[in-house]
Amino acid sequence: MSRSMHKQMSVAEHLLIVLLSGQFVSLDEITTTLQGKLVPNRIATYMWELKKLGAVIIRTKKGNKIEGYTLTNSPVMQTYLANRKAAGAHIPDLQLAPVTSNPVSEIVVASMSQLNQELVTA
């Protein structure tokens, strides 16, 4: 049975909802928000599960201690959650800002020298 056929959300998907804004989320915020569902010692496991789903998560560290996490591809993961909800999973309605398009402009480049010239002039 594929993952999309399950009706219940995994703990990793609950964590994904917390990270979905794309902003920095501290470790304390994560543990307080998911207090009954999350085992704090398994956060790395939940992050690995999200990585397998396609999430790109950046860890912010201070020394050897992780301070928090940032989800960098939130539009892709919003699509994932929308598909899960369409499949019948019990995902709460999310009040999110509309997703803007990719801010990188599309440049058609014939050669590397042309690209360097366009980058210098920009």
N, C-alpha and C. Protein backbone atom coordinates (compact mmCIF):
# COMPACT_ATOMS: atom_id res chain seq x y z
N MET A 1 0.84 -1.16 0.00
CA MET A 1 0.00 0.00 0.00
C MET A 1 0.89 1.24 0.00
N SER A 2 0.65 2.16 -0.89
CA SER A 2 1.49 3.34 -0.97
C SER A 2 1.16 4.31 0.16
N ARG A 3 2.07 5.23 0.39
CA ARG A 3 1.92 6.18 1.49
C ARG A 3 0.67 7.05 1.31
N SER A 4 0.32 7.36 0.09
CA SER A 4 -0.82 8.25 -0.14
C SER A 4 -2.15 7.58 0.16
N MET A 5 -2.17 6.28 0.34
CA MET A 5 -3.42 5.58 0.62
C MET A 5 -3.78 5.59 2.10
N HIS A 6 -2.85 5.95 2.97
CA HIS A 6 -3.13 5.97 4.40
C HIS A 6 -4.02 7.14 4.75
N LYS A 7 -4.97 6.91 5.64
CA LYS A 7 -5.89 7.97 6.04
C LYS A 7 -5.33 8.82 7.17
N GLN A 8 -4.52 8.22 8.06
CA GLN A 8 -3.98 8.98 9.17
C GLN A 8 -2.68 9.67 8.76
N MET A 9 -2.48 10.83 9.35
CA MET A 9 -1.23 11.54 9.10
C MET A 9 -0.14 10.96 9.97
N SER A 10 1.06 10.89 9.42
CA SER A 10 2.20 10.47 10.23
C SER A 10 2.69 11.67 11.05
N VAL A 11 3.52 11.39 12.02
CA VAL A 11 4.09 12.47 12.84
C VAL A 11 4.93 13.39 11.96
N ALA A 12 5.61 12.82 10.98
CA ALA A 12 6.42 13.63 10.07
C ALA A 12 5.55 14.61 9.29
N GLU A 13 4.34 14.20 8.91
CA GLU A 13 3.44 15.11 8.20
C GLU A 13 2.92 16.22 9.12
N HIS A 14 2.71 15.91 10.39
CA HIS A 14 2.36 16.96 11.35
C HIS A 14 3.50 17.96 11.46
N LEU A 15 4.72 17.46 11.49
CA LEU A 15 5.90 18.31 11.55
C LEU A 15 6.00 19.16 10.28
N LEU A 16 5.65 18.59 9.15
CA LEU A 16 5.67 19.32 7.88
C LEU A 16 4.72 20.50 7.93
N ILE A 17 3.56 20.35 8.54
CA ILE A 17 2.60 21.44 8.64
C ILE A 17 3.18 22.58 9.48
N VAL A 18 3.93 22.24 10.54
CA VAL A 18 4.56 23.26 11.36
C VAL A 18 5.62 24.02 10.56
N LEU A 19 6.36 23.31 9.72
CA LEU A 19 7.46 23.92 8.95
C LEU A 19 7.00 24.58 7.66
N LEU A 20 5.74 24.44 7.29
CA LEU A 20 5.26 24.79 5.96
C LEU A 20 5.37 26.27 5.62
N SER A 21 5.49 27.13 6.60
CA SER A 21 5.56 28.57 6.30
C SER A 21 6.83 28.94 5.55
N GLY A 22 7.88 28.12 5.68
CA GLY A 22 9.14 28.42 5.03
C GLY A 22 10.03 29.31 5.87
N GLN A 23 9.57 29.72 7.02
CA GLN A 23 10.35 30.56 7.93
C GLN A 23 11.12 29.67 8.90
N PHE A 24 12.08 30.24 9.60
CA PHE A 24 12.84 29.53 10.62
C PHE A 24 11.90 29.15 11.76
N VAL A 25 11.96 27.88 12.17
CA VAL A 25 11.16 27.38 13.29
C VAL A 25 12.12 26.78 14.30
N SER A 26 12.10 27.30 15.51
CA SER A 26 13.03 26.81 16.52
C SER A 26 12.60 25.44 17.03
N LEU A 27 13.54 24.76 17.64
CA LEU A 27 13.27 23.43 18.17
C LEU A 27 12.24 23.50 19.30
N ASP A 28 12.28 24.56 20.10
CA ASP A 28 11.30 24.73 21.16
C ASP A 28 9.89 24.91 20.62
N GLU A 29 9.75 25.68 19.53
CA GLU A 29 8.44 25.87 18.91
C GLU A 29 7.88 24.55 18.40
N ILE A 30 8.74 23.73 17.81
CA ILE A 30 8.30 22.44 17.29
C ILE A 30 7.81 21.54 18.42
N THR A 31 8.58 21.46 19.50
CA THR A 31 8.20 20.56 20.59
C THR A 31 6.95 21.04 21.32
N THR A 32 6.75 22.35 21.45
CA THR A 32 5.53 22.83 22.11
C THR A 32 4.31 22.69 21.21
N THR A 33 4.48 22.90 19.92
CA THR A 33 3.34 22.79 19.00
C THR A 33 2.86 21.35 18.87
N LEU A 34 3.79 20.41 18.79
CA LEU A 34 3.44 19.00 18.61
C LEU A 34 3.63 18.21 19.90
N GLN A 35 3.21 18.77 21.01
CA GLN A 35 3.54 18.21 22.31
C GLN A 35 3.01 16.81 22.53
N GLY A 36 1.88 16.43 22.08
CA GLY A 36 1.37 15.09 22.33
C GLY A 36 1.73 14.07 21.27
N LYS A 37 2.23 14.54 20.14
CA LYS A 37 2.47 13.66 18.99
C LYS A 37 3.94 13.36 18.75
N LEU A 38 4.80 14.23 19.21
CA LEU A 38 6.21 14.19 18.84
C LEU A 38 7.05 13.61 19.96
N VAL A 39 7.95 12.69 19.62
CA VAL A 39 8.96 12.21 20.55
C VAL A 39 10.22 13.01 20.25
N PRO A 40 10.67 13.87 21.19
CA PRO A 40 11.78 14.78 20.89
C PRO A 40 13.06 14.09 20.43
N ASN A 41 13.33 12.90 20.90
CA ASN A 41 14.56 12.21 20.51
C ASN A 41 14.49 11.67 19.08
N ARG A 42 13.33 11.68 18.46
CA ARG A 42 13.17 11.12 17.12
C ARG A 42 13.02 12.19 16.04
N ILE A 43 13.31 13.45 16.35
CA ILE A 43 13.13 14.52 15.37
C ILE A 43 13.97 14.27 14.12
N ALA A 44 15.18 13.75 14.29
CA ALA A 44 16.02 13.46 13.12
C ALA A 44 15.37 12.40 12.24
N THR A 45 14.68 11.44 12.85
CA THR A 45 13.97 10.42 12.08
C THR A 45 12.82 11.03 11.29
N TYR A 46 12.09 11.94 11.92
CA TYR A 46 10.98 12.60 11.21
C TYR A 46 11.51 13.46 10.07
N MET A 47 12.65 14.10 10.26
CA MET A 47 13.25 14.90 9.19
C MET A 47 13.68 14.00 8.03
N TRP A 48 14.18 12.82 8.35
CA TRP A 48 14.56 11.87 7.30
C TRP A 48 13.34 11.43 6.50
N GLU A 49 12.23 11.18 7.20
CA GLU A 49 10.99 10.80 6.51
C GLU A 49 10.53 11.93 5.59
N LEU A 50 10.63 13.17 6.05
CA LEU A 50 10.25 14.30 5.19
C LEU A 50 11.18 14.43 3.99
N LYS A 51 12.46 14.14 4.20
CA LYS A 51 13.41 14.19 3.09
C LYS A 51 13.05 13.15 2.04
N LYS A 52 12.61 11.98 2.47
CA LYS A 52 12.19 10.94 1.52
C LYS A 52 10.94 11.36 0.75
N LEU A 53 10.11 12.23 1.35
CA LEU A 53 8.92 12.73 0.67
C LEU A 53 9.24 13.85 -0.31
N GLY A 54 10.45 14.41 -0.22
CA GLY A 54 10.86 15.46 -1.15
C GLY A 54 11.10 16.80 -0.50
N ALA A 55 11.02 16.89 0.81
CA ALA A 55 11.25 18.16 1.50
C ALA A 55 12.75 18.47 1.54
N VAL A 56 13.06 19.74 1.39
CA VAL A 56 14.43 20.22 1.52
C VAL A 56 14.46 21.07 2.79
N ILE A 57 15.12 20.56 3.82
CA ILE A 57 15.11 21.20 5.13
C ILE A 57 16.53 21.58 5.50
N ILE A 58 16.69 22.83 5.94
CA ILE A 58 17.99 23.33 6.37
C ILE A 58 18.00 23.37 7.90
N ARG A 59 19.05 22.79 8.47
CA ARG A 59 19.23 22.84 9.93
C ARG A 59 20.05 24.06 10.27
N THR A 60 19.65 24.75 11.32
CA THR A 60 20.43 25.87 11.83
C THR A 60 21.06 25.41 13.13
N LYS A 61 22.41 25.44 13.16
CA LYS A 61 23.13 24.93 14.32
C LYS A 61 23.89 26.03 15.02
N LYS A 62 24.06 25.86 16.31
CA LYS A 62 24.92 26.73 17.10
C LYS A 62 25.87 25.79 17.83
N GLY A 63 27.09 25.70 17.31
CA GLY A 63 28.02 24.70 17.82
C GLY A 63 27.58 23.32 17.33
N ASN A 64 27.40 22.40 18.25
CA ASN A 64 26.92 21.07 17.90
C ASN A 64 25.42 20.91 18.11
N LYS A 65 24.78 21.93 18.65
CA LYS A 65 23.36 21.84 18.98
C LYS A 65 22.52 22.45 17.86
N ILE A 66 21.46 21.77 17.49
CA ILE A 66 20.55 22.27 16.46
C ILE A 66 19.60 23.27 17.11
N GLU A 67 19.54 24.47 16.53
CA GLU A 67 18.67 25.54 17.03
C GLU A 67 17.27 25.43 16.43
N GLY A 68 17.17 25.09 15.14
CA GLY A 68 15.88 25.02 14.48
C GLY A 68 16.01 24.57 13.04
N TYR A 69 14.89 24.62 12.33
CA TYR A 69 14.82 24.11 10.97
C TYR A 69 14.10 25.12 10.07
N THR A 70 14.42 25.06 8.77
CA THR A 70 13.76 25.89 7.77
C THR A 70 13.44 25.01 6.56
N LEU A 71 12.18 25.03 6.14
CA LEU A 71 11.77 24.30 4.94
C LEU A 71 11.95 25.23 3.75
N THR A 72 12.75 24.81 2.76
CA THR A 72 13.06 25.69 1.64
C THR A 72 12.15 25.50 0.43
N ASN A 73 11.52 24.37 0.30
CA ASN A 73 10.64 24.15 -0.86
C ASN A 73 9.19 23.99 -0.41
N SER A 74 8.68 25.00 0.27
CA SER A 74 7.32 24.92 0.79
C SER A 74 6.25 24.83 -0.31
N PRO A 75 6.39 25.45 -1.50
CA PRO A 75 5.35 25.27 -2.52
C PRO A 75 5.18 23.80 -2.95
N VAL A 76 6.29 23.09 -3.06
CA VAL A 76 6.22 21.67 -3.44
C VAL A 76 5.54 20.87 -2.36
N MET A 77 5.85 21.17 -1.10
CA MET A 77 5.26 20.42 0.00
C MET A 77 3.80 20.80 0.23
N GLN A 78 3.41 22.03 -0.14
CA GLN A 78 1.99 22.40 -0.10
C GLN A 78 1.21 21.56 -1.09
N THR A 79 1.79 21.32 -2.26
CA THR A 79 1.16 20.47 -3.26
C THR A 79 1.04 19.05 -2.75
N TYR A 80 2.09 18.56 -2.08
CA TYR A 80 2.06 17.22 -1.50
C TYR A 80 0.91 17.09 -0.51
N LEU A 81 0.77 18.07 0.40
CA LEU A 81 -0.30 18.00 1.39
C LEU A 81 -1.67 18.12 0.74
N ALA A 82 -1.79 18.91 -0.31
CA ALA A 82 -3.07 19.02 -1.02
C ALA A 82 -3.43 17.69 -1.66
N ASN A 83 -2.46 16.99 -2.21
CA ASN A 83 -2.72 15.68 -2.80
C ASN A 83 -3.10 14.66 -1.74
N ARG A 84 -2.46 14.74 -0.57
CA ARG A 84 -2.80 13.83 0.53
C ARG A 84 -4.22 14.09 1.01
N LYS A 85 -4.61 15.37 1.05
CA LYS A 85 -5.97 15.70 1.49
C LYS A 85 -6.99 15.20 0.46
N ALA A 86 -6.66 15.32 -0.81
CA ALA A 86 -7.55 14.83 -1.86
C ALA A 86 -7.68 13.31 -1.80
N ALA A 87 -6.65 12.63 -1.30
CA ALA A 87 -6.69 11.18 -1.19
C ALA A 87 -7.49 10.72 0.03
N GLY A 88 -7.93 11.66 0.86
CA GLY A 88 -8.76 11.29 1.99
C GLY A 88 -8.09 11.40 3.34
N ALA A 89 -6.88 11.90 3.39
CA ALA A 89 -6.20 12.05 4.68
C ALA A 89 -6.84 13.20 5.46
N HIS A 90 -6.85 13.09 6.76
CA HIS A 90 -7.46 14.10 7.62
C HIS A 90 -6.44 15.19 7.92
N ILE A 91 -6.28 16.10 6.98
CA ILE A 91 -5.33 17.19 7.12
C ILE A 91 -6.14 18.47 7.37
N PRO A 92 -5.78 19.21 8.41
CA PRO A 92 -6.54 20.44 8.69
C PRO A 92 -6.36 21.46 7.57
N ASP A 93 -7.37 22.33 7.42
CA ASP A 93 -7.26 23.39 6.42
C ASP A 93 -6.16 24.35 6.84
N LEU A 94 -5.32 24.71 5.89
CA LEU A 94 -4.18 25.56 6.17
C LEU A 94 -4.47 26.96 5.66
N GLN A 95 -4.24 27.96 6.49
CA GLN A 95 -4.40 29.35 6.10
C GLN A 95 -3.04 29.88 5.67
N LEU A 96 -2.68 29.63 4.42
CA LEU A 96 -1.35 30.00 3.93
C LEU A 96 -1.46 31.12 2.91
N ALA A 97 -0.39 31.86 2.80
CA ALA A 97 -0.31 32.90 1.79
C ALA A 97 -0.19 32.24 0.42
N PRO A 98 -0.71 32.85 -0.64
CA PRO A 98 -0.58 32.25 -1.96
C PRO A 98 0.88 32.10 -2.37
N VAL A 99 1.14 31.04 -3.09
CA VAL A 99 2.51 30.74 -3.50
C VAL A 99 2.85 31.58 -4.71
N THR A 100 3.98 32.26 -4.64
CA THR A 100 4.44 33.04 -5.78
C THR A 100 5.29 32.15 -6.67
N SER A 101 5.48 32.58 -7.89
CA SER A 101 6.28 31.80 -8.82
C SER A 101 7.75 31.87 -8.44
N ASN A 102 8.56 31.09 -9.09
CA ASN A 102 9.99 31.04 -8.82
C ASN A 102 10.61 32.40 -9.11
N PRO A 103 11.34 32.99 -8.15
CA PRO A 103 11.89 34.33 -8.37
C PRO A 103 13.05 34.38 -9.36
N VAL A 104 13.58 33.24 -9.73
CA VAL A 104 14.70 33.22 -10.67
C VAL A 104 14.16 33.46 -12.08
N SER A 105 14.72 34.44 -12.76
CA SER A 105 14.26 34.72 -14.12
C SER A 105 14.84 33.69 -15.07
N GLU A 106 14.12 33.46 -16.12
CA GLU A 106 14.58 32.49 -17.11
C GLU A 106 15.44 33.20 -18.14
N ILE A 107 16.68 32.78 -18.23
CA ILE A 107 17.62 33.37 -19.18
C ILE A 107 18.04 32.27 -20.15
N VAL A 108 17.85 32.54 -21.42
CA VAL A 108 18.30 31.60 -22.44
C VAL A 108 19.73 31.99 -22.79
N VAL A 109 20.65 31.05 -22.59
CA VAL A 109 22.07 31.35 -22.75
C VAL A 109 22.65 30.46 -23.84
N ALA A 110 23.36 31.06 -24.76
CA ALA A 110 24.00 30.30 -25.82
C ALA A 110 25.39 29.84 -25.42
N SER A 111 26.08 30.64 -24.61
CA SER A 111 27.44 30.29 -24.22
C SER A 111 27.71 30.78 -22.81
N MET A 112 28.79 30.32 -22.23
CA MET A 112 29.18 30.70 -20.88
C MET A 112 29.58 32.17 -20.82
N SER A 113 30.23 32.69 -21.88
CA SER A 113 30.62 34.10 -21.89
C SER A 113 29.39 35.01 -21.90
N GLN A 114 28.35 34.61 -22.60
CA GLN A 114 27.11 35.39 -22.62
C GLN A 114 26.48 35.41 -21.22
N LEU A 115 26.52 34.29 -20.54
CA LEU A 115 25.98 34.23 -19.18
C LEU A 115 26.77 35.15 -18.25
N ASN A 116 28.09 35.13 -18.35
CA ASN A 116 28.91 35.99 -17.51
C ASN A 116 28.61 37.47 -17.76
N GLN A 117 28.40 37.82 -19.03
CA GLN A 117 28.09 39.20 -19.36
C GLN A 117 26.75 39.61 -18.77
N GLU A 118 25.76 38.73 -18.83
CA GLU A 118 24.42 39.05 -18.31
C GLU A 118 24.47 39.14 -16.79
N LEU A 119 25.27 38.32 -16.14
CA LEU A 119 25.36 38.39 -14.69
C LEU A 119 26.08 39.64 -14.23
N VAL A 120 27.09 40.09 -14.98
CA VAL A 120 27.82 41.29 -14.62
C VAL A 120 26.94 42.52 -14.80
N THR A 121 26.13 42.56 -15.85
CA THR A 121 25.28 43.72 -16.09
C THR A 121 24.08 43.76 -15.17
N ALA A 122 23.69 42.66 -14.59
CA ALA A 122 22.50 42.63 -13.72
C ALA A 122 22.76 43.11 -12.35
